[in-house]
N, C-alpha and C. Protein backbone atom coordinates (compact mmCIF):
# COMPACT_ATOMS: atom_id res chain seq x y z
N UNK A 1 -103.81 75.19 103.63
CA UNK A 1 -104.81 74.26 103.81
C UNK A 1 -105.37 73.42 103.03
N UNK A 2 -105.81 72.37 102.89
CA UNK A 2 -105.94 71.09 102.31
C UNK A 2 -107.85 71.44 102.38
N UNK A 3 -108.32 71.51 101.84
CA UNK A 3 -110.16 71.73 101.24
C UNK A 3 -110.59 70.10 101.76
N UNK A 4 -112.01 70.27 101.80
CA UNK A 4 -112.39 68.51 102.36
C UNK A 4 -112.94 68.45 100.82
N UNK A 5 -113.49 67.51 100.95
CA UNK A 5 -114.42 67.05 99.92
C UNK A 5 -115.30 67.62 99.42
N UNK A 6 -116.55 68.18 100.66
CA UNK A 6 -117.58 68.74 100.57
C UNK A 6 -117.37 70.10 100.13
N UNK A 7 -116.20 71.16 100.66
CA UNK A 7 -115.84 72.36 100.22
C UNK A 7 -115.21 72.16 98.85
N UNK A 8 -114.72 71.44 98.43
CA UNK A 8 -114.19 71.21 96.97
C UNK A 8 -115.73 71.27 96.21
N UNK A 9 -116.02 70.11 96.46
CA UNK A 9 -117.60 69.64 95.89
C UNK A 9 -118.28 71.09 95.53
N UNK A 10 -118.04 71.78 96.33
CA UNK A 10 -119.10 73.03 96.77
C UNK A 10 -118.47 74.42 95.53
N UNK A 11 -117.32 74.31 95.09
CA UNK A 11 -116.61 75.23 94.26
C UNK A 11 -116.46 74.57 92.81
N UNK A 12 -117.25 73.52 92.59
CA UNK A 12 -117.52 73.15 91.19
C UNK A 12 -119.00 73.32 90.57
N UNK A 13 -118.95 74.29 89.19
CA UNK A 13 -119.94 74.32 88.51
C UNK A 13 -120.40 73.23 88.29
N UNK A 14 -121.68 72.41 89.02
CA UNK A 14 -122.74 71.39 88.48
C UNK A 14 -123.82 72.11 87.57
N UNK A 15 -124.41 71.69 86.67
CA UNK A 15 -125.55 71.62 85.90
C UNK A 15 -127.09 71.91 87.10
N UNK A 16 -127.12 73.06 86.70
CA UNK A 16 -128.62 73.59 87.87
C UNK A 16 -129.92 72.63 87.70
N UNK A 17 -130.48 72.26 88.90
CA UNK A 17 -131.52 71.19 88.81
C UNK A 17 -132.50 72.20 88.12
N UNK A 18 -133.48 71.36 87.72
CA UNK A 18 -134.01 71.79 86.63
C UNK A 18 -135.51 71.63 87.91
N UNK A 19 -135.85 72.27 88.69
CA UNK A 19 -136.70 72.56 89.90
C UNK A 19 -138.05 72.65 89.29
N UNK A 20 -138.64 72.91 88.16
CA UNK A 20 -139.56 73.21 87.48
C UNK A 20 -140.50 71.79 87.10
N UNK A 21 -139.14 70.80 86.62
CA UNK A 21 -139.67 69.30 86.57
C UNK A 21 -139.37 68.55 87.67
N UNK A 22 -139.65 69.00 88.81
CA UNK A 22 -139.55 68.16 90.00
C UNK A 22 -137.85 67.47 90.43
N UNK A 23 -137.16 68.37 89.55
CA UNK A 23 -135.70 67.63 90.51
C UNK A 23 -135.28 68.27 91.79
N UNK A 24 -134.69 67.27 92.37
CA UNK A 24 -134.31 67.51 93.84
C UNK A 24 -132.70 67.05 93.79
N UNK A 25 -131.93 68.04 94.58
CA UNK A 25 -130.89 66.94 95.32
C UNK A 25 -130.74 65.04 95.31
N UNK A 26 -131.69 65.26 96.61
CA UNK A 26 -132.15 63.69 96.64
C UNK A 26 -132.13 62.75 95.32
N UNK A 27 -133.02 63.47 94.05
CA UNK A 27 -132.79 62.96 93.16
C UNK A 27 -131.62 62.05 92.31
N UNK A 28 -130.77 62.83 92.69
CA UNK A 28 -129.33 62.21 92.32
C UNK A 28 -128.44 61.79 92.78
N UNK A 29 -128.58 61.60 94.14
CA UNK A 29 -128.16 61.26 95.25
C UNK A 29 -128.24 59.78 95.26
N UNK A 30 -126.87 58.45 95.35
CA UNK A 30 -127.44 57.43 96.18
C UNK A 30 -127.87 57.51 97.10
N UNK A 31 -128.78 56.36 97.33
CA UNK A 31 -128.73 55.62 98.36
C UNK A 31 -128.11 54.56 99.35
N UNK A 32 -127.82 55.34 100.66
CA UNK A 32 -127.48 54.10 101.82
C UNK A 32 -127.56 52.88 101.39
N UNK A 33 -128.44 52.44 100.83
CA UNK A 33 -128.68 50.01 100.09
C UNK A 33 -128.16 50.56 98.54
N UNK A 34 -128.01 51.73 98.36
CA UNK A 34 -127.23 51.65 96.96
C UNK A 34 -125.58 51.36 97.24
N UNK A 35 -125.35 52.30 97.55
CA UNK A 35 -124.07 51.97 98.24
C UNK A 35 -123.86 50.85 99.09
N UNK A 36 -124.20 50.57 100.01
CA UNK A 36 -124.41 49.21 100.01
C UNK A 36 -123.67 48.41 99.36
N UNK A 37 -124.94 48.12 98.27
CA UNK A 37 -124.53 47.57 97.31
C UNK A 37 -123.60 47.10 96.83
N UNK A 38 -122.93 48.17 96.10
CA UNK A 38 -121.86 48.99 95.44
C UNK A 38 -120.48 47.86 96.17
N UNK A 39 -121.02 48.22 97.88
CA UNK A 39 -119.55 47.73 98.55
C UNK A 39 -119.27 46.33 98.81
N UNK A 40 -120.79 45.92 98.86
CA UNK A 40 -120.86 44.08 98.46
C UNK A 40 -120.70 43.57 97.62
N UNK A 41 -120.69 44.26 96.54
CA UNK A 41 -119.73 43.70 95.37
C UNK A 41 -118.51 43.66 95.57
N UNK A 42 -117.68 44.58 96.10
CA UNK A 42 -116.17 45.12 95.64
C UNK A 42 -116.14 44.22 96.80
N UNK A 43 -116.57 44.04 97.94
CA UNK A 43 -116.34 42.90 99.31
C UNK A 43 -115.15 44.21 100.26
N UNK A 44 -115.49 45.43 100.12
CA UNK A 44 -114.52 46.27 100.34
C UNK A 44 -115.44 47.56 100.72
N UNK A 45 -115.09 48.44 102.07
CA UNK A 45 -115.54 49.75 101.83
C UNK A 45 -115.27 50.78 100.59
N UNK A 46 -115.70 51.44 100.96
CA UNK A 46 -115.25 53.16 99.52
C UNK A 46 -114.61 54.06 100.57
N UNK A 47 -113.80 54.24 99.83
CA UNK A 47 -113.37 55.71 100.70
C UNK A 47 -113.97 56.42 101.08
N UNK A 48 -114.09 57.16 102.41
CA UNK A 48 -115.20 57.66 102.85
C UNK A 48 -115.66 58.83 101.69
N UNK A 49 -114.23 59.88 101.48
CA UNK A 49 -114.68 60.88 100.65
C UNK A 49 -115.29 60.45 99.44
N UNK A 50 -115.42 59.72 98.64
CA UNK A 50 -116.29 59.14 97.22
C UNK A 50 -117.55 58.45 98.07
N UNK A 51 -117.65 57.87 99.19
CA UNK A 51 -118.86 57.57 99.82
C UNK A 51 -120.04 59.02 99.96
N UNK A 52 -118.94 59.66 100.44
CA UNK A 52 -119.54 61.00 100.38
C UNK A 52 -120.30 61.74 99.68
N UNK A 53 -119.36 61.77 98.10
CA UNK A 53 -120.18 62.42 97.43
C UNK A 53 -121.00 61.58 96.38
N UNK A 54 -120.92 59.91 96.73
CA UNK A 54 -122.14 59.16 96.26
C UNK A 54 -123.59 59.55 96.91
N UNK A 55 -123.26 60.05 97.96
CA UNK A 55 -124.69 59.90 99.03
C UNK A 55 -125.09 61.63 98.97
N UNK A 56 -124.36 62.12 99.00
CA UNK A 56 -123.96 63.87 98.70
C UNK A 56 -124.80 64.55 98.10
N UNK A 57 -124.00 64.44 96.81
CA UNK A 57 -123.54 65.05 95.33
C UNK A 57 -124.22 64.48 94.46
N UNK A 58 -123.62 62.79 94.22
CA UNK A 58 -124.30 62.04 93.41
C UNK A 58 -123.78 62.15 92.01
N UNK A 59 -125.22 61.75 91.17
CA UNK A 59 -125.04 61.91 89.12
C UNK A 59 -125.16 63.49 88.90
N UNK A 60 -124.04 63.87 89.21
CA UNK A 60 -124.26 65.73 88.89
C UNK A 60 -123.46 65.55 87.39
N UNK A 61 -123.81 66.53 86.30
CA UNK A 61 -122.88 67.39 84.97
C UNK A 61 -122.50 68.22 85.57
N UNK A 62 -121.14 67.88 84.79
CA UNK A 62 -120.13 69.59 85.42
C UNK A 62 -120.46 70.22 84.33
N UNK A 63 -120.24 71.37 84.72
CA UNK A 63 -120.67 72.52 83.75
C UNK A 63 -119.15 73.58 84.15
N UNK A 64 -118.54 73.03 84.38
CA UNK A 64 -117.23 73.89 85.01
C UNK A 64 -116.00 73.52 83.59
N UNK A 65 -115.56 74.90 83.29
CA UNK A 65 -114.22 74.90 82.26
C UNK A 65 -113.22 74.50 82.93
N UNK A 66 -113.03 74.52 84.21
CA UNK A 66 -112.22 73.96 84.78
C UNK A 66 -111.94 72.20 85.02
N UNK A 67 -112.75 71.63 84.36
CA UNK A 67 -112.44 70.20 83.87
C UNK A 67 -111.37 69.70 83.01
N UNK A 68 -110.99 70.90 82.15
CA UNK A 68 -110.24 70.94 81.24
C UNK A 68 -108.41 70.41 81.28
N UNK A 69 -108.70 70.88 82.97
CA UNK A 69 -107.32 70.42 83.30
C UNK A 69 -106.45 69.34 83.26
N UNK A 70 -105.42 69.21 82.47
CA UNK A 70 -104.65 68.71 82.38
C UNK A 70 -103.35 67.81 83.51
N UNK A 71 -103.83 66.33 83.82
CA UNK A 71 -103.22 65.83 85.20
C UNK A 71 -101.89 64.24 84.25
N UNK A 72 -101.20 64.82 84.36
CA UNK A 72 -100.26 63.76 83.89
C UNK A 72 -100.65 63.38 82.71
N UNK A 73 -100.69 64.34 82.04
CA UNK A 73 -100.59 64.41 80.18
C UNK A 73 -102.10 64.23 79.73
N UNK A 74 -102.91 64.04 81.19
CA UNK A 74 -104.37 63.15 80.57
C UNK A 74 -105.52 64.95 80.97
N UNK A 75 -106.24 64.95 79.55
CA UNK A 75 -107.14 66.25 79.79
C UNK A 75 -108.27 65.60 80.61
N UNK A 76 -109.29 66.19 81.51
CA UNK A 76 -109.95 65.62 82.37
C UNK A 76 -111.52 66.47 81.67
N UNK A 77 -110.98 66.55 80.03
CA UNK A 77 -112.50 67.29 79.92
C UNK A 77 -113.03 65.83 78.88
N UNK A 78 -112.65 64.62 79.08
CA UNK A 78 -113.91 63.56 79.33
C UNK A 78 -115.08 63.49 80.39
N UNK A 79 -114.49 63.95 81.61
CA UNK A 79 -115.39 63.68 82.42
C UNK A 79 -116.21 64.74 82.68
N UNK A 80 -117.49 64.72 81.96
CA UNK A 80 -118.45 65.42 81.90
C UNK A 80 -119.41 65.29 82.79
N UNK A 81 -119.38 64.25 83.87
CA UNK A 81 -120.23 64.26 85.20
C UNK A 81 -119.56 63.18 86.23
N UNK A 82 -120.55 62.61 86.95
CA UNK A 82 -120.33 61.48 87.91
C UNK A 82 -121.37 60.55 87.81
N UNK A 83 -121.30 59.41 87.66
CA UNK A 83 -122.28 58.64 88.13
C UNK A 83 -122.95 58.19 89.74
N UNK A 84 -124.06 57.80 90.09
CA UNK A 84 -124.78 57.62 91.04
C UNK A 84 -124.21 56.40 91.59
N UNK A 85 -124.48 55.51 92.66
CA UNK A 85 -123.45 54.16 92.53
C UNK A 85 -124.48 53.02 91.98
N UNK A 86 -125.66 53.13 91.32
CA UNK A 86 -126.33 51.73 90.61
C UNK A 86 -125.33 51.73 89.55
N UNK A 87 -125.03 53.16 88.76
CA UNK A 87 -124.76 53.45 87.75
C UNK A 87 -122.91 52.46 87.67
N UNK A 88 -122.41 53.12 88.62
CA UNK A 88 -120.98 53.02 89.07
C UNK A 88 -120.83 51.31 89.63
N UNK A 89 -121.83 50.55 90.10
CA UNK A 89 -122.11 49.08 90.11
C UNK A 89 -122.00 48.44 88.92
N UNK A 90 -123.35 48.61 88.54
CA UNK A 90 -123.38 48.30 86.56
C UNK A 90 -122.12 48.19 85.96
N UNK A 91 -121.36 49.09 85.45
CA UNK A 91 -120.57 49.39 84.78
C UNK A 91 -119.50 48.87 85.19
N UNK A 92 -118.78 48.55 86.38
CA UNK A 92 -117.78 48.19 87.24
C UNK A 92 -118.12 46.65 87.08
N UNK A 93 -119.25 46.01 87.41
CA UNK A 93 -119.76 44.61 87.36
C UNK A 93 -119.53 44.14 85.45
N UNK A 94 -120.13 45.07 85.23
CA UNK A 94 -119.72 44.86 83.55
C UNK A 94 -117.94 44.46 82.86
N UNK A 95 -117.23 45.53 83.60
CA UNK A 95 -116.05 45.73 82.99
C UNK A 95 -115.51 44.42 83.66
N UNK A 96 -115.55 44.22 85.20
CA UNK A 96 -114.97 43.27 85.57
C UNK A 96 -114.97 42.12 85.50
N UNK A 97 -116.02 41.75 84.51
CA UNK A 97 -116.66 40.24 84.14
C UNK A 97 -115.68 39.49 83.66
N UNK A 98 -115.07 38.46 83.67
CA UNK A 98 -113.61 38.02 83.15
C UNK A 98 -114.26 36.51 82.10
N UNK A 99 -113.87 37.02 80.92
CA UNK A 99 -114.60 36.11 80.07
C UNK A 99 -114.18 34.85 80.41
N UNK A 100 -114.73 33.94 79.31
CA UNK A 100 -113.91 32.35 79.22
C UNK A 100 -112.15 32.43 79.01
N UNK A 101 -111.72 33.19 78.50
CA UNK A 101 -110.17 33.35 78.26
C UNK A 101 -109.46 33.93 79.25
N UNK A 102 -110.08 34.67 80.39
CA UNK A 102 -109.88 34.99 81.11
C UNK A 102 -109.34 36.43 81.67
N UNK A 103 -110.15 37.10 80.44
CA UNK A 103 -109.98 38.41 79.98
C UNK A 103 -111.09 39.56 80.40
N UNK A 104 -110.68 40.43 80.93
CA UNK A 104 -111.56 41.49 81.38
C UNK A 104 -111.22 42.77 81.05
N UNK A 105 -112.35 43.77 80.84
CA UNK A 105 -111.84 45.10 80.39
C UNK A 105 -111.06 45.98 81.50
N UNK A 106 -110.92 45.72 83.01
CA UNK A 106 -110.19 46.24 83.99
C UNK A 106 -109.70 45.06 85.18
N UNK A 107 -108.75 46.04 85.51
CA UNK A 107 -107.54 45.28 86.37
C UNK A 107 -108.77 44.76 87.91
N UNK A 108 -108.25 43.60 87.93
CA UNK A 108 -109.45 43.57 90.00
C UNK A 108 -109.49 44.63 90.47
N UNK A 109 -110.08 45.02 91.46
CA UNK A 109 -110.06 46.16 92.41
C UNK A 109 -110.28 47.48 92.01
N UNK A 110 -110.50 47.42 91.19
CA UNK A 110 -111.15 48.87 90.52
C UNK A 110 -111.99 49.27 89.83
N UNK A 111 -112.72 50.42 90.56
CA UNK A 111 -114.09 50.70 90.81
C UNK A 111 -114.33 51.92 89.07
N UNK A 112 -115.68 51.72 88.26
CA UNK A 112 -115.47 52.73 87.36
C UNK A 112 -116.27 53.49 87.37
N UNK A 113 -115.71 55.18 87.84
CA UNK A 113 -116.44 56.05 88.34
C UNK A 113 -116.91 56.75 87.01
N UNK A 114 -116.37 56.58 86.00
CA UNK A 114 -117.35 56.98 85.02
C UNK A 114 -116.67 56.43 83.37
N UNK A 115 -117.56 56.36 82.69
CA UNK A 115 -117.20 55.58 81.51
C UNK A 115 -117.21 56.82 80.55
N UNK A 116 -116.53 57.16 79.59
CA UNK A 116 -117.07 58.21 78.54
C UNK A 116 -117.11 57.37 77.00
N UNK A 117 -118.14 58.25 76.31
CA UNK A 117 -118.38 58.26 75.30
C UNK A 117 -117.42 57.27 74.44
N UNK A 118 -116.51 58.03 74.44
CA UNK A 118 -115.08 56.84 73.92
C UNK A 118 -114.27 55.63 74.69
N UNK A 119 -115.46 55.05 75.83
CA UNK A 119 -114.70 54.65 76.63
C UNK A 119 -113.83 54.59 77.42
N UNK A 120 -113.29 55.62 77.53
CA UNK A 120 -112.49 56.40 78.45
C UNK A 120 -112.86 56.12 79.78
N UNK A 121 -112.09 55.59 80.91
CA UNK A 121 -112.62 55.36 82.14
C UNK A 121 -111.63 56.07 83.31
N UNK A 122 -112.27 56.60 84.58
CA UNK A 122 -112.04 56.64 85.92
C UNK A 122 -112.11 55.66 86.33
N UNK A 123 -110.81 55.36 87.40
CA UNK A 123 -111.22 54.30 87.89
C UNK A 123 -110.86 54.52 89.40
N UNK A 124 -111.29 54.43 90.29
CA UNK A 124 -111.39 54.36 91.96
C UNK A 124 -110.82 52.62 92.08
N UNK A 125 -109.31 52.96 92.83
CA UNK A 125 -109.01 51.62 93.10
C UNK A 125 -109.12 51.36 94.76
N UNK A 126 -109.61 50.29 95.03
CA UNK A 126 -109.82 49.74 96.18
C UNK A 126 -108.90 48.73 96.41
N UNK A 127 -107.85 47.89 96.10
CA UNK A 127 -106.97 47.24 96.56
C UNK A 127 -105.84 48.06 97.64
N UNK A 128 -105.69 46.90 98.23
CA UNK A 128 -105.02 47.02 99.80
C UNK A 128 -103.97 48.28 98.92
N UNK A 129 -103.10 47.48 98.52
CA UNK A 129 -101.77 48.47 98.15
C UNK A 129 -102.20 49.85 97.65
N UNK A 130 -103.42 50.37 97.00
CA UNK A 130 -103.41 51.83 96.19
C UNK A 130 -104.61 51.91 96.71
N UNK A 131 -105.07 51.63 97.38
CA UNK A 131 -106.53 52.23 98.41
C UNK A 131 -107.06 53.81 97.86
N UNK A 132 -107.86 53.72 97.52
CA UNK A 132 -107.94 55.21 97.25
C UNK A 132 -107.81 56.23 96.08
N UNK A 133 -106.65 55.91 95.19
CA UNK A 133 -106.22 56.32 94.18
C UNK A 133 -107.13 56.35 93.03
N UNK A 134 -106.89 57.25 92.38
CA UNK A 134 -107.54 57.09 90.98
C UNK A 134 -107.04 57.01 89.67
N UNK A 135 -107.30 56.22 88.37
CA UNK A 135 -106.55 56.02 88.06
C UNK A 135 -107.42 56.34 86.78
N UNK A 136 -106.65 56.76 85.32
CA UNK A 136 -107.17 56.70 84.17
C UNK A 136 -107.15 55.97 82.75
N UNK A 137 -107.97 55.30 82.35
CA UNK A 137 -107.97 54.27 81.06
C UNK A 137 -108.06 54.44 80.06
N UNK A 138 -107.40 54.39 79.00
CA UNK A 138 -107.56 54.51 77.91
C UNK A 138 -108.88 53.89 76.93
N UNK A 139 -109.63 54.52 76.63
CA UNK A 139 -110.64 53.44 75.69
C UNK A 139 -110.29 52.56 74.82
N UNK A 140 -109.46 52.59 74.20
CA UNK A 140 -108.63 51.89 72.96
C UNK A 140 -108.27 50.75 73.70
N UNK A 141 -107.69 50.52 74.86
CA UNK A 141 -107.49 49.75 75.47
C UNK A 141 -108.64 48.06 74.90
N UNK A 142 -108.08 47.22 74.81
CA UNK A 142 -109.02 46.03 74.48
C UNK A 142 -109.27 45.15 75.89
N UNK A 143 -109.79 44.25 76.48
CA UNK A 143 -110.03 43.20 77.12
C UNK A 143 -108.51 42.25 77.33
N UNK A 144 -107.99 42.39 78.28
CA UNK A 144 -107.04 41.26 78.42
C UNK A 144 -106.60 40.39 79.39
N UNK A 145 -106.19 39.62 79.90
CA UNK A 145 -105.76 38.96 80.88
C UNK A 145 -105.18 39.90 81.98
N UNK A 146 -105.43 40.68 83.00
CA UNK A 146 -104.77 41.16 84.06
C UNK A 146 -104.33 41.07 85.21
N UNK A 147 -104.50 39.37 85.64
CA UNK A 147 -103.72 39.03 86.35
C UNK A 147 -102.33 38.92 86.37
N UNK A 148 -101.71 39.24 87.67
CA UNK A 148 -100.09 39.43 88.19
C UNK A 148 -99.88 41.37 87.25
N UNK A 149 -101.37 41.84 87.18
CA UNK A 149 -100.85 43.34 86.65
C UNK A 149 -100.47 43.95 87.50
N UNK A 150 -99.44 45.57 87.02
CA UNK A 150 -98.53 45.90 88.20
C UNK A 150 -99.02 47.33 87.07
N UNK A 151 -100.24 48.03 87.38
CA UNK A 151 -100.86 49.15 86.30
C UNK A 151 -100.30 49.61 85.30
N UNK A 152 -100.45 48.19 84.27
CA UNK A 152 -99.41 48.76 82.94
C UNK A 152 -100.95 49.17 82.06
N UNK A 153 -100.53 50.47 81.02
CA UNK A 153 -101.71 51.19 80.73
C UNK A 153 -102.87 51.58 81.01
N UNK A 154 -102.31 51.97 82.90
CA UNK A 154 -102.95 53.33 83.62
C UNK A 154 -102.27 54.56 84.04
N UNK A 155 -102.83 55.39 83.96
CA UNK A 155 -102.59 56.48 83.88
C UNK A 155 -102.47 57.18 85.72
N UNK A 156 -101.52 57.34 85.84
CA UNK A 156 -102.11 58.17 87.79
C UNK A 156 -102.51 59.04 88.10
N UNK A 157 -103.79 59.93 88.16
CA UNK A 157 -104.19 61.18 88.35
C UNK A 157 -104.25 61.58 89.78
N UNK A 158 -104.52 60.96 90.64
CA UNK A 158 -104.71 61.62 92.22
C UNK A 158 -104.79 60.39 93.41
N UNK A 159 -104.28 60.52 94.48
CA UNK A 159 -104.10 60.09 95.50
C UNK A 159 -105.54 60.06 95.88
N UNK A 160 -106.64 60.43 96.09
CA UNK A 160 -108.25 60.28 96.60
C UNK A 160 -108.79 60.89 95.67
N UNK A 161 -109.67 60.69 95.64
CA UNK A 161 -111.30 61.57 95.44
C UNK A 161 -111.33 63.17 95.67
N UNK A 162 -110.49 63.46 96.79
CA UNK A 162 -110.52 64.42 97.56
C UNK A 162 -109.76 65.44 96.73
N UNK A 163 -108.97 64.65 96.65
CA UNK A 163 -107.52 65.15 95.45
C UNK A 163 -108.22 65.35 94.52
N UNK A 164 -108.65 64.83 93.89
CA UNK A 164 -109.17 65.43 91.87
C UNK A 164 -109.31 66.07 92.24
N UNK A 165 -110.28 66.14 92.79
CA UNK A 165 -111.34 67.48 92.97
C UNK A 165 -110.53 68.89 92.99
N UNK A 166 -110.07 68.54 93.70
CA UNK A 166 -108.81 69.71 94.18
C UNK A 166 -108.21 70.20 92.53
N UNK A 167 -107.45 69.24 92.20
CA UNK A 167 -107.14 69.47 90.80
C UNK A 167 -107.71 70.06 89.80
N UNK A 168 -108.88 69.99 89.76
CA UNK A 168 -110.12 70.46 89.63
C UNK A 168 -110.24 71.97 89.32
N UNK A 169 -110.85 72.08 91.02
CA UNK A 169 -110.91 73.23 91.59
C UNK A 169 -109.89 74.35 91.06
N UNK A 170 -108.27 73.97 91.64
CA UNK A 170 -107.13 74.21 91.25
C UNK A 170 -106.98 74.85 90.05
N UNK A 171 -107.56 74.68 88.70
CA UNK A 171 -107.13 74.28 87.34
C UNK A 171 -106.28 75.56 87.09
N UNK A 172 -106.89 76.80 87.60
CA UNK A 172 -105.56 77.81 87.15
C UNK A 172 -104.61 77.79 87.71
N UNK A 173 -103.77 77.21 88.24
CA UNK A 173 -102.83 77.00 88.67
C UNK A 173 -101.82 76.15 87.71
N UNK A 174 -102.27 75.74 86.26
CA UNK A 174 -101.88 75.02 85.19
C UNK A 174 -101.09 73.42 86.26
N UNK A 175 -101.56 72.71 86.90
CA UNK A 175 -101.17 71.71 86.97
C UNK A 175 -100.95 70.57 86.46
N UNK A 176 -99.64 70.12 86.30
CA UNK A 176 -99.27 68.86 85.42
C UNK A 176 -98.39 68.24 85.92
N UNK A 177 -98.99 67.01 86.65
CA UNK A 177 -98.30 66.16 87.62
C UNK A 177 -97.26 65.51 86.69
N UNK A 178 -96.30 64.77 87.67
CA UNK A 178 -94.99 64.21 87.03
C UNK A 178 -95.44 62.85 86.64
N UNK A 179 -95.11 61.72 86.15
CA UNK A 179 -95.52 60.17 85.97
C UNK A 179 -95.63 59.61 87.68
N UNK A 180 -96.35 58.85 87.35
CA UNK A 180 -96.32 58.26 88.64
C UNK A 180 -95.49 57.04 88.72
N UNK A 181 -94.93 56.87 90.01
CA UNK A 181 -93.44 56.41 90.16
C UNK A 181 -94.60 55.20 91.24
N UNK A 182 -94.34 53.83 90.63
CA UNK A 182 -95.15 52.77 91.39
C UNK A 182 -94.57 52.43 92.39
N UNK A 183 -93.05 52.53 92.51
CA UNK A 183 -92.26 51.29 93.74
C UNK A 183 -92.19 52.64 94.80
């Protein structure tokens, strides 16, 4: 039986709220207007599981050792938190900006869900072909012309945000995926 995104989110150890300083769950959650602004920039709707997460959990630090799971050879320990819709929009706008040479940091139709201090990226695909899939991009890749790209340089992590959370929660099962076959 597969768990839903909300059931999986409940099983992850998040940094506790500092209620004495006034932190509330709502402080970390994205508003509907913020999510709509992100969708307007993308010119498409976000997958429902990730949309729910932005609105219901939002920007939270992860304090769960299971984040060290390796998926397709990539350790997710770079993923120390998830961003809110404002940060996701800002990072996506910056990374997808095409310079005068036609180069950008990320391919089109990808959303920057997280950017680590070493510039590793967790990306959500909103293309028609791979809608909802989650990818990893190494921070050492520079800007390049992504026209006609076929996901070169990206590592497939999950078919959906829910599946990614499931892999974190089930970390004790020694998850290691086979390489993604783009065919």
